[in-house]
PDB file of all heavy atoms in Angstrom:
ATOM      1  N   LEU A   1      95.995 121.801  81.814  1.00  0.00           N
ATOM      2  CA  LEU A   1      96.590 122.493  80.687  1.00  0.00           C
ATOM      3  C   LEU A   1      95.515 123.296  80.059  1.00  0.00           C
ATOM      4  O   LEU A   1      94.384 122.888  79.936  1.00  0.00           O
ATOM      5  CB  LEU A   1      97.155 121.630  79.524  1.00  0.00           C
ATOM      6  CG  LEU A   1      98.418 120.757  80.156  1.00  0.00           C
ATOM      7  CD1 LEU A   1      98.776 119.793  79.101  1.00  0.00           C
ATOM      8  CD2 LEU A   1      99.576 121.552  80.558  1.00  0.00           C
ATOM      9  N   PRO A   2      95.887 124.468  79.600  1.00  0.00           N
ATOM     10  CA  PRO A   2      94.650 125.304  78.865  1.00  0.00           C
ATOM     11  C   PRO A   2      94.223 124.566  77.589  1.00  0.00           C
ATOM     12  O   PRO A   2      95.095 123.955  76.864  1.00  0.00           O
ATOM     13  CB  PRO A   2      95.486 126.623  78.444  1.00  0.00           C
ATOM     14  CG  PRO A   2      96.833 126.388  78.726  1.00  0.00           C
ATOM     15  CD  PRO A   2      97.128 125.254  79.527  1.00  0.00           C
ATOM     16  N   PRO A   3      93.032 124.580  77.493  1.00  0.00           N
ATOM     17  CA  PRO A   3      92.356 123.844  76.208  1.00  0.00           C
ATOM     18  C   PRO A   3      92.929 124.403  74.948  1.00  0.00           C
ATOM     19  O   PRO A   3      93.094 125.699  74.864  1.00  0.00           O
ATOM     20  CB  PRO A   3      90.889 123.786  76.340  1.00  0.00           C
ATOM     21  CG  PRO A   3      90.772 124.976  77.419  1.00  0.00           C
ATOM     22  CD  PRO A   3      91.996 125.183  78.207  1.00  0.00           C
ATOM     23  N   LYS A   4      92.867 123.793  73.905  1.00  0.00           N
ATOM     24  CA  LYS A   4      93.389 124.252  72.582  1.00  0.00           C
ATOM     25  C   LYS A   4      92.247 124.029  71.490  1.00  0.00           C
ATOM     26  O   LYS A   4      91.504 123.104  71.561  1.00  0.00           O
ATOM     27  CB  LYS A   4      94.760 123.595  72.125  1.00  0.00           C
ATOM     28  CG  LYS A   4      95.832 124.064  73.016  1.00  0.00           C
ATOM     29  CD  LYS A   4      97.107 123.339  72.547  1.00  0.00           C
ATOM     30  CE  LYS A   4      98.264 123.652  73.522  1.00  0.00           C
ATOM     31  NZ  LYS A   4      99.369 122.891  73.356  1.00  0.00           N
ATOM     32  N   GLY A   5      92.175 124.729  70.538  1.00  0.00           N
ATOM     33  CA  GLY A   5      91.290 124.440  69.367  1.00  0.00           C
ATOM     34  C   GLY A   5      89.933 124.348  69.810  1.00  0.00           C
ATOM     35  O   GLY A   5      89.292 125.165  70.499  1.00  0.00           O
ATOM     36  N   LEU A   6      89.316 123.368  69.320  1.00  0.00           N
ATOM     37  CA  LEU A   6      87.899 123.039  69.641  1.00  0.00           C
ATOM     38  C   LEU A   6      87.581 122.803  71.050  1.00  0.00           C
ATOM     39  O   LEU A   6      86.467 123.206  71.494  1.00  0.00           O
ATOM     40  CB  LEU A   6      87.510 121.766  68.768  1.00  0.00           C
ATOM     41  CG  LEU A   6      86.042 121.348  68.803  1.00  0.00           C
ATOM     42  CD1 LEU A   6      85.229 122.425  68.102  1.00  0.00           C
ATOM     43  CD2 LEU A   6      85.850 120.143  67.929  1.00  0.00           C
ATOM     44  N   GLN A   7      88.467 122.300  71.938  1.00  0.00           N
ATOM     45  CA  GLN A   7      88.231 122.260  73.272  1.00  0.00           C
ATOM     46  C   GLN A   7      88.047 123.631  73.851  1.00  0.00           C
ATOM     47  O   GLN A   7      87.076 123.711  74.853  1.00  0.00           O
ATOM     48  CB  GLN A   7      89.517 121.656  74.011  1.00  0.00           C
ATOM     49  CG  GLN A   7      89.646 120.156  73.555  1.00  0.00           C
ATOM     50  CD  GLN A   7      90.988 119.741  74.275  1.00  0.00           C
ATOM     51  OE1 GLN A   7      91.892 120.533  74.612  1.00  0.00           O
ATOM     52  NE2 GLN A   7      91.114 118.439  74.405  1.00  0.00           N
ATOM     53  N   TYR A   8      88.678 124.592  73.311  1.00  0.00           N
ATOM     54  CA  TYR A   8      88.396 125.964  73.933  1.00  0.00           C
ATOM     55  C   TYR A   8      86.989 126.553  73.504  1.00  0.00           C
ATOM     56  O   TYR A   8      86.417 127.099  74.258  1.00  0.00           O
ATOM     57  CB  TYR A   8      89.470 126.921  73.333  1.00  0.00           C
ATOM     58  CG  TYR A   8      89.529 128.304  74.107  1.00  0.00           C
ATOM     59  CD1 TYR A   8      89.531 128.465  75.387  1.00  0.00           C
ATOM     60  CD2 TYR A   8      89.265 129.464  73.299  1.00  0.00           C
ATOM     61  CE1 TYR A   8      89.436 129.568  75.985  1.00  0.00           C
ATOM     62  CE2 TYR A   8      89.155 130.741  73.833  1.00  0.00           C
ATOM     63  CZ  TYR A   8      89.321 130.762  75.261  1.00  0.00           C
ATOM     64  OH  TYR A   8      89.231 132.001  75.794  1.00  0.00           O
ATOM     65  N   LEU A   9      86.592 126.129  72.409  1.00  0.00           N
ATOM     66  CA  LEU A   9      85.139 126.577  71.999  1.00  0.00           C
ATOM     67  C   LEU A   9      84.120 125.862  72.921  1.00  0.00           C
ATOM     68  O   LEU A   9      83.264 126.516  73.407  1.00  0.00           O
ATOM     69  CB  LEU A   9      84.883 126.131  70.581  1.00  0.00           C
ATOM     70  CG  LEU A   9      83.396 126.428  70.037  1.00  0.00           C
ATOM     71  CD1 LEU A   9      83.073 127.718  70.146  1.00  0.00           C
ATOM     72  CD2 LEU A   9      83.188 125.829  68.701  1.00  0.00           C
ATOM     73  N   VAL A  10      84.413 124.595  73.169  1.00  0.00           N
ATOM     74  CA  VAL A  10      83.514 123.954  74.094  1.00  0.00           C
ATOM     75  C   VAL A  10      83.517 124.575  75.507  1.00  0.00           C
ATOM     76  O   VAL A  10      82.574 124.829  76.166  1.00  0.00           O
ATOM     77  CB  VAL A  10      83.960 122.318  74.255  1.00  0.00           C
ATOM     78  CG1 VAL A  10      83.143 121.818  75.411  1.00  0.00           C
ATOM     79  CG2 VAL A  10      83.600 121.672  72.889  1.00  0.00           C
ATOM     80  N   LEU A  11      84.715 124.955  75.923  1.00  0.00           N
ATOM     81  CA  LEU A  11      84.923 125.717  77.357  1.00  0.00           C
ATOM     82  C   LEU A  11      84.198 127.018  77.248  1.00  0.00           C
ATOM     83  O   LEU A  11      83.538 127.315  78.274  1.00  0.00           O
ATOM     84  CB  LEU A  11      86.418 125.870  77.489  1.00  0.00           C
ATOM     85  CG  LEU A  11      86.644 126.586  78.901  1.00  0.00           C
ATOM     86  CD1 LEU A  11      86.346 125.605  80.033  1.00  0.00           C
ATOM     87  CD2 LEU A  11      88.143 126.921  78.901  1.00  0.00           C
ATOM     88  N   LEU A  12      84.328 127.736  76.089  1.00  0.00           N
ATOM     89  CA  LEU A  12      83.701 129.067  76.049  1.00  0.00           C
ATOM     90  C   LEU A  12      82.085 128.858  76.145  1.00  0.00           C
ATOM     91  O   LEU A  12      81.534 129.675  76.738  1.00  0.00           O
ATOM     92  CB  LEU A  12      84.051 129.702  74.820  1.00  0.00           C
ATOM     93  CG  LEU A  12      85.456 130.345  74.741  1.00  0.00           C
ATOM     94  CD1 LEU A  12      85.893 130.829  73.406  1.00  0.00           C
ATOM     95  CD2 LEU A  12      85.674 131.468  75.820  1.00  0.00           C
ATOM     96  N   SER A  13      81.628 128.061  75.331  1.00  0.00           N
ATOM     97  CA  SER A  13      80.186 127.649  75.288  1.00  0.00           C
ATOM     98  C   SER A  13      79.639 127.220  76.594  1.00  0.00           C
ATOM     99  O   SER A  13      78.609 127.573  77.086  1.00  0.00           O
ATOM    100  CB  SER A  13      79.862 126.589  74.191  1.00  0.00           C
ATOM    101  OG  SER A  13      78.568 126.477  74.137  1.00  0.00           O
ATOM    102  N   HIS A  14      80.361 126.429  77.261  1.00  0.00           N
ATOM    103  CA  HIS A  14      79.954 125.934  78.549  1.00  0.00           C
ATOM    104  C   HIS A  14      79.981 127.131  79.586  1.00  0.00           C
ATOM    105  O   HIS A  14      79.014 127.142  80.248  1.00  0.00           O
ATOM    106  CB  HIS A  14      81.026 124.795  79.105  1.00  0.00           C
ATOM    107  CG  HIS A  14      80.622 124.301  80.433  1.00  0.00           C
ATOM    108  ND1 HIS A  14      79.595 123.562  80.690  1.00  0.00           N
ATOM    109  CD2 HIS A  14      81.197 124.556  81.555  1.00  0.00           C
ATOM    110  CE1 HIS A  14      79.565 123.260  82.043  1.00  0.00           C
ATOM    111  NE2 HIS A  14      80.481 123.887  82.529  1.00  0.00           N
ATOM    112  N   ALA A  15      80.963 127.881  79.539  1.00  0.00           N
ATOM    113  CA  ALA A  15      81.121 128.971  80.518  1.00  0.00           C
ATOM    114  C   ALA A  15      79.760 129.966  80.220  1.00  0.00           C
ATOM    115  O   ALA A  15      79.247 130.380  81.334  1.00  0.00           O
ATOM    116  CB  ALA A  15      82.355 129.741  80.338  1.00  0.00           C
ATOM    117  N   HIS A  16      79.563 130.149  79.041  1.00  0.00           N
ATOM    118  CA  HIS A  16      78.362 131.011  78.801  1.00  0.00           C
ATOM    119  C   HIS A  16      77.175 130.195  79.283  1.00  0.00           C
ATOM    120  O   HIS A  16      76.129 131.062  79.882  1.00  0.00           O
ATOM    121  CB  HIS A  16      78.248 131.224  77.229  1.00  0.00           C
ATOM    122  CG  HIS A  16      76.966 131.869  76.729  1.00  0.00           C
ATOM    123  ND1 HIS A  16      75.803 131.352  76.512  1.00  0.00           N
ATOM    124  CD2 HIS A  16      76.711 133.248  76.794  1.00  0.00           C
ATOM    125  CE1 HIS A  16      74.923 132.287  76.180  1.00  0.00           C
ATOM    126  NE2 HIS A  16      75.483 133.552  76.400  1.00  0.00           N
ATOM    127  N   SER A  17      76.872 129.015  79.123  1.00  0.00           N
ATOM    128  CA  SER A  17      75.716 128.234  79.582  1.00  0.00           C
ATOM    129  C   SER A  17      75.463 128.281  81.018  1.00  0.00           C
ATOM    130  O   SER A  17      74.361 128.251  81.554  1.00  0.00           O
ATOM    131  CB  SER A  17      75.668 126.858  79.026  1.00  0.00           C
ATOM    132  OG  SER A  17      76.497 126.133  79.703  1.00  0.00           O
ATOM    133  N   ARG A  18      76.550 128.553  81.867  1.00  0.00           N
ATOM    134  CA  ARG A  18      76.473 128.622  83.144  1.00  0.00           C
ATOM    135  C   ARG A  18      75.964 129.867  83.720  1.00  0.00           C
ATOM    136  O   ARG A  18      75.367 130.012  84.862  1.00  0.00           O
ATOM    137  CB  ARG A  18      77.753 128.355  83.825  1.00  0.00           C
ATOM    138  CG  ARG A  18      78.146 126.801  83.499  1.00  0.00           C
ATOM    139  CD  ARG A  18      79.277 126.302  84.352  1.00  0.00           C
ATOM    140  NE  ARG A  18      78.698 126.084  85.808  1.00  0.00           N
ATOM    141  CZ  ARG A  18      79.458 125.775  86.744  1.00  0.00           C
ATOM    142  NH1 ARG A  18      80.645 125.514  86.765  1.00  0.00           N
ATOM    143  NH2 ARG A  18      78.715 125.586  87.901  1.00  0.00           N
ATOM    144  N   GLU A  19      76.080 131.008  82.872  1.00  0.00           N
ATOM    145  CA  GLU A  19      75.614 132.311  83.265  1.00  0.00           C
ATOM    146  C   GLU A  19      74.420 132.709  82.501  1.00  0.00           C
ATOM    147  O   GLU A  19      73.666 133.747  82.917  1.00  0.00           O
ATOM    148  CB  GLU A  19      76.747 133.301  83.094  1.00  0.00           C
ATOM    149  CG  GLU A  19      77.984 132.955  83.879  1.00  0.00           C
ATOM    150  CD  GLU A  19      79.083 134.045  83.680  1.00  0.00           C
ATOM    151  OE1 GLU A  19      78.826 135.012  83.070  1.00  0.00           O
ATOM    152  OE2 GLU A  19      80.144 133.734  84.136  1.00  0.00           O
ATOM    153  N   CYS A  20      74.049 132.096  81.338  1.00  0.00           N
ATOM    154  CA  CYS A  20      72.896 132.539  80.462  1.00  0.00           C
ATOM    155  C   CYS A  20      72.179 131.329  79.969  1.00  0.00           C
ATOM    156  O   CYS A  20      72.977 130.390  79.443  1.00  0.00           O
ATOM    157  CB  CYS A  20      73.584 133.431  79.477  1.00  0.00           C
ATOM    158  SG  CYS A  20      72.206 133.971  78.226  1.00  0.00           S
ATOM    159  N   SER A  21      71.020 131.267  79.998  1.00  0.00           N
ATOM    160  CA  SER A  21      70.297 130.235  79.430  1.00  0.00           C
ATOM    161  C   SER A  21      70.025 130.197  77.926  1.00  0.00           C
ATOM    162  O   SER A  21      69.553 129.228  77.332  1.00  0.00           O
ATOM    163  CB  SER A  21      68.842 130.090  80.157  1.00  0.00           C
ATOM    164  OG  SER A  21      68.035 131.198  79.780  1.00  0.00           O
ATOM    165  N   LEU A  22      70.398 131.224  77.334  1.00  0.00           N
ATOM    166  CA  LEU A  22      70.191 131.409  75.890  1.00  0.00           C
ATOM    167  C   LEU A  22      71.450 130.707  75.180  1.00  0.00           C
ATOM    168  O   LEU A  22      72.597 130.882  75.574  1.00  0.00           O
ATOM    169  CB  LEU A  22      70.119 132.722  75.495  1.00  0.00           C
ATOM    170  CG  LEU A  22      68.960 133.575  76.056  1.00  0.00           C
ATOM    171  CD1 LEU A  22      68.970 135.029  75.885  1.00  0.00           C
ATOM    172  CD2 LEU A  22      67.591 132.916  75.665  1.00  0.00           C
ATOM    173  N   VAL A  23      71.169 129.953  74.128  1.00  0.00           N
ATOM    174  CA  VAL A  23      72.165 129.365  73.392  1.00  0.00           C
ATOM    175  C   VAL A  23      72.870 130.199  72.393  1.00  0.00           C
ATOM    176  O   VAL A  23      72.200 130.784  71.433  1.00  0.00           O
ATOM    177  CB  VAL A  23      71.587 128.030  72.591  1.00  0.00           C
ATOM    178  CG1 VAL A  23      72.623 127.375  71.774  1.00  0.00           C
ATOM    179  CG2 VAL A  23      71.062 127.079  73.621  1.00  0.00           C
ATOM    180  N   PRO A  24      74.138 130.413  72.421  1.00  0.00           N
ATOM    181  CA  PRO A  24      74.820 131.321  71.375  1.00  0.00           C
ATOM    182  C   PRO A  24      74.834 130.566  70.054  1.00  0.00           C
ATOM    183  O   PRO A  24      74.902 129.389  69.875  1.00  0.00           O
ATOM    184  CB  PRO A  24      76.285 131.378  71.965  1.00  0.00           C
ATOM    185  CG  PRO A  24      76.438 130.232  72.892  1.00  0.00           C
ATOM    186  CD  PRO A  24      75.128 129.867  73.391  1.00  0.00           C
ATOM    187  N   GLY A  25      74.782 131.431  69.056  1.00  0.00           N
ATOM    188  CA  GLY A  25      74.721 130.977  67.615  1.00  0.00           C
ATOM    189  C   GLY A  25      75.991 131.605  66.993  1.00  0.00           C
ATOM    190  O   GLY A  25      76.450 132.629  67.344  1.00  0.00           O
ATOM    191  N   LEU A  26      76.383 131.080  65.927  1.00  0.00           N
ATOM    192  CA  LEU A  26      77.493 131.640  65.147  1.00  0.00           C
ATOM    193  C   LEU A  26      76.944 132.816  64.318  1.00  0.00           C
ATOM    194  O   LEU A  26      76.009 132.812  63.509  1.00  0.00           O
ATOM    195  CB  LEU A  26      77.915 130.509  64.084  1.00  0.00           C
ATOM    196  CG  LEU A  26      79.077 130.934  63.158  1.00  0.00           C
ATOM    197  CD1 LEU A  26      80.357 131.226  64.021  1.00  0.00           C
ATOM    198  CD2 LEU A  26      79.444 129.852  62.277  1.00  0.00           C
ATOM    199  N   ARG A  27      77.547 134.029  64.592  1.00  0.00           N
ATOM    200  CA  ARG A  27      77.184 135.102  64.072  1.00  0.00           C
ATOM    201  C   ARG A  27      77.977 135.302  62.670  1.00  0.00           C
ATOM    202  O   ARG A  27      77.503 135.894  61.736  1.00  0.00           O
ATOM    203  CB  ARG A  27      77.540 136.332  64.886  1.00  0.00           C
ATOM    204  CG  ARG A  27      77.088 137.711  64.320  1.00  0.00           C
ATOM    205  CD  ARG A  27      77.039 138.889  65.319  1.00  0.00           C
ATOM    206  NE  ARG A  27      78.448 139.314  65.549  1.00  0.00           N
ATOM    207  CZ  ARG A  27      78.748 140.072  66.461  1.00  0.00           C
ATOM    208  NH1 ARG A  27      77.854 140.700  67.345  1.00  0.00           N
ATOM    209  NH2 ARG A  27      80.109 140.406  66.700  1.00  0.00           N
ATOM    210  N   GLY A  28      79.197 134.747  62.661  1.00  0.00           N
ATOM    211  CA  GLY A  28      80.010 134.849  61.503  1.00  0.00           C
ATOM    212  C   GLY A  28      81.475 135.205  61.860  1.00  0.00           C
ATOM    213  O   GLY A  28      81.877 135.433  62.924  1.00  0.00           O
ATOM    214  N   PRO A  29      82.270 135.318  60.821  1.00  0.00           N
ATOM    215  CA  PRO A  29      83.785 135.678  61.027  1.00  0.00           C
ATOM    216  C   PRO A  29      83.771 137.203  61.357  1.00  0.00           C
ATOM    217  O   PRO A  29      82.813 137.937  61.226  1.00  0.00           O
ATOM    218  CB  PRO A  29      84.350 135.530  59.700  1.00  0.00           C
ATOM    219  CG  PRO A  29      83.265 135.446  58.638  1.00  0.00           C
ATOM    220  CD  PRO A  29      81.887 135.018  59.419  1.00  0.00           C
ATOM    221  N   GLY A  30      84.721 137.617  61.953  1.00  0.00           N
ATOM    222  CA  GLY A  30      84.855 139.126  62.280  1.00  0.00           C
ATOM    223  C   GLY A  30      85.409 139.379  63.682  1.00  0.00           C
ATOM    224  O   GLY A  30      85.480 140.534  63.939  1.00  0.00           O
ATOM    225  N   GLY A  31      85.876 138.437  64.385  1.00  0.00           N
ATOM    226  CA  GLY A  31      86.452 138.758  65.558  1.00  0.00           C
ATOM    227  C   GLY A  31      87.725 139.532  65.511  1.00  0.00           C
ATOM    228  O   GLY A  31      88.407 139.429  64.466  1.00  0.00           O
ATOM    229  N   GLN A  32      88.097 140.455  66.439  1.00  0.00           N
ATOM    230  CA  GLN A  32      89.329 141.198  66.238  1.00  0.00           C
ATOM    231  C   GLN A  32      90.617 140.261  66.077  1.00  0.00           C
ATOM    232  O   GLN A  32      91.583 140.623  65.420  1.00  0.00           O
ATOM    233  CB  GLN A  32      89.578 142.121  67.261  1.00  0.00           C
ATOM    234  CG  GLN A  32      89.565 141.693  68.651  1.00  0.00           C
ATOM    235  CD  GLN A  32      88.198 141.750  69.388  1.00  0.00           C
ATOM    236  OE1 GLN A  32      87.144 141.309  68.781  1.00  0.00           O
ATOM    237  NE2 GLN A  32      88.208 142.293  70.702  1.00  0.00           N
ATOM    238  N   ASP A  33      90.527 139.073  66.584  1.00  0.00           N
ATOM    239  CA  ASP A  33      91.533 138.076  66.482  1.00  0.00           C
ATOM    240  C   ASP A  33      91.424 137.180  65.250  1.00  0.00           C
ATOM    241  O   ASP A  33      92.236 136.128  65.152  1.00  0.00           O
ATOM    242  CB  ASP A  33      91.632 137.159  67.787  1.00  0.00           C
ATOM    243  CG  ASP A  33      90.397 136.700  68.186  1.00  0.00           C
ATOM    244  OD1 ASP A  33      89.346 136.693  67.370  1.00  0.00           O
ATOM    245  OD2 ASP A  33      90.133 136.171  69.314  1.00  0.00           O
ATOM    246  N   GLY A  34      90.504 137.454  64.389  1.00  0.00           N
ATOM    247  CA  GLY A  34      90.333 136.746  63.152  1.00  0.00           C
ATOM    248  C   GLY A  34      89.484 135.525  63.327  1.00  0.00           C
ATOM    249  O   GLY A  34      89.349 134.542  62.333  1.00  0.00           O
ATOM    250  N   GLY A  35      88.914 135.233  64.474  1.00  0.00           N
ATOM    251  CA  GLY A  35      88.075 134.153  64.839  1.00  0.00           C
ATOM    252  C   GLY A  35      86.712 134.183  64.372  1.00  0.00           C
ATOM    253  O   GLY A  35      86.275 135.253  63.813  1.00  0.00           O
ATOM    254  N   LEU A  36      85.900 133.373  64.667  1.00  0.00           N
ATOM    255  CA  LEU A  36      84.347 133.273  64.522  1.00  0.00           C
ATOM    256  C   LEU A  36      83.799 133.921  65.771  1.00  0.00           C
ATOM    257  O   LEU A  36      84.229 133.755  66.797  1.00  0.00           O
ATOM    258  CB  LEU A  36      83.807 131.885  64.230  1.00  0.00           C
ATOM    259  CG  LEU A  36      84.371 131.164  63.098  1.00  0.00           C
ATOM    260  CD1 LEU A  36      83.934 129.719  63.168  1.00  0.00           C
ATOM    261  CD2 LEU A  36      83.939 131.761  61.934  1.00  0.00           C
ATOM    262  N   VAL A  37      82.683 134.717  65.503  1.00  0.00           N
ATOM    263  CA  VAL A  37      81.982 135.448  66.596  1.00  0.00           C
ATOM    264  C   VAL A  37      80.737 134.691  66.850  1.00  0.00           C
ATOM    265  O   VAL A  37      80.071 134.405  66.002  1.00  0.00           O
ATOM    266  CB  VAL A  37      81.676 136.909  66.274  1.00  0.00           C
ATOM    267  CG1 VAL A  37      80.997 137.494  67.383  1.00  0.00           C
ATOM    268  CG2 VAL A  37      83.031 137.613  65.999  1.00  0.00           C
ATOM    269  N   TRP A  38      80.607 134.293  68.136  1.00  0.00           N
ATOM    270  CA  TRP A  38      79.388 133.657  68.656  1.00  0.00           C
ATOM    271  C   TRP A  38      78.582 134.555  69.451  1.00  0.00           C
ATOM    272  O   TRP A  38      79.188 135.326  70.224  1.00  0.00           O
ATOM    273  CB  TRP A  38      79.829 132.412  69.465  1.00  0.00           C
ATOM    274  CG  TRP A  38      80.517 131.416  68.681  1.00  0.00           C
ATOM    275  CD1 TRP A  38      81.824 131.413  68.187  1.00  0.00           C
ATOM    276  CD2 TRP A  38      79.921 130.212  68.228  1.00  0.00           C
ATOM    277  NE1 TRP A  38      82.132 130.372  67.576  1.00  0.00           N
ATOM    278  CE2 TRP A  38      81.031 129.502  67.385  1.00  0.00           C
ATOM    279  CE3 TRP A  38      78.748 129.589  68.161  1.00  0.00           C
ATOM    280  CZ2 TRP A  38      80.860 128.336  66.897  1.00  0.00           C
ATOM    281  CZ3 TRP A  38      78.607 128.308  67.479  1.00  0.00           C
ATOM    282  CH2 TRP A  38      79.585 127.785  66.926  1.00  0.00           C
ATOM    283  N   GLU A  39      77.249 134.740  69.318  1.00  0.00           N
ATOM    284  CA  GLU A  39      76.402 135.540  70.125  1.00  0.00           C
ATOM    285  C   GLU A  39      75.085 134.872  70.441  1.00  0.00           C
ATOM    286  O   GLU A  39      74.444 134.150  69.595  1.00  0.00           O
ATOM    287  CB  GLU A  39      76.143 136.838  69.291  1.00  0.00           C
ATOM    288  CG  GLU A  39      75.428 137.836  69.956  1.00  0.00           C
ATOM    289  CD  GLU A  39      75.216 139.117  69.109  1.00  0.00           C
ATOM    290  OE1 GLU A  39      75.475 139.117  67.932  1.00  0.00           O
ATOM    291  OE2 GLU A  39      74.911 140.123  69.698  1.00  0.00           O
ATOM    292  N   CYS A  40      74.657 135.167  71.660  1.00  0.00           N
ATOM    293  CA  CYS A  40      73.238 134.750  71.984  1.00  0.00           C
ATOM    294  C   CYS A  40      72.336 135.861  71.856  1.00  0.00           C
ATOM    295  O   CYS A  40      72.803 137.027  71.644  1.00  0.00           O
ATOM    296  CB  CYS A  40      73.178 134.192  73.462  1.00  0.00           C
ATOM    297  SG  CYS A  40      73.319 135.443  74.703  1.00  0.00           S
ATOM    298  N   SER A  41      71.006 135.661  71.868  1.00  0.00           N
ATOM    299  CA  SER A  41      70.074 136.652  71.767  1.00  0.00           C
ATOM    300  C   SER A  41      70.025 137.772  72.695  1.00  0.00           C
ATOM    301  O   SER A  41      69.542 138.777  72.656  1.00  0.00           O
ATOM    302  CB  SER A  41      68.613 136.141  71.392  1.00  0.00           C
ATOM    303  OG  SER A  41      68.336 135.303  72.593  1.00  0.00           O
ATOM    304  N   ALA A  42      70.788 137.514  73.833  1.00  0.00           N
ATOM    305  CA  ALA A  42      70.750 138.490  74.810  1.00  0.00           C
ATOM    306  C   ALA A  42      72.129 139.512  74.628  1.00  0.00           C
ATOM    307  O   ALA A  42      72.264 140.457  75.444  1.00  0.00           O
ATOM    308  CB  ALA A  42      71.067 137.844  76.294  1.00  0.00           C
TER     309      ALA A  42
END
């Protein structure tokens, strides 16, 4: 089943870590969907 809530954040972070060695940090609120935006230094 598609993950929900916090499980989805874990999935997004994991997917990022498989392609980029840099750890994303919380940039703050402001996503177009009203969520929190996470960004790595790349």
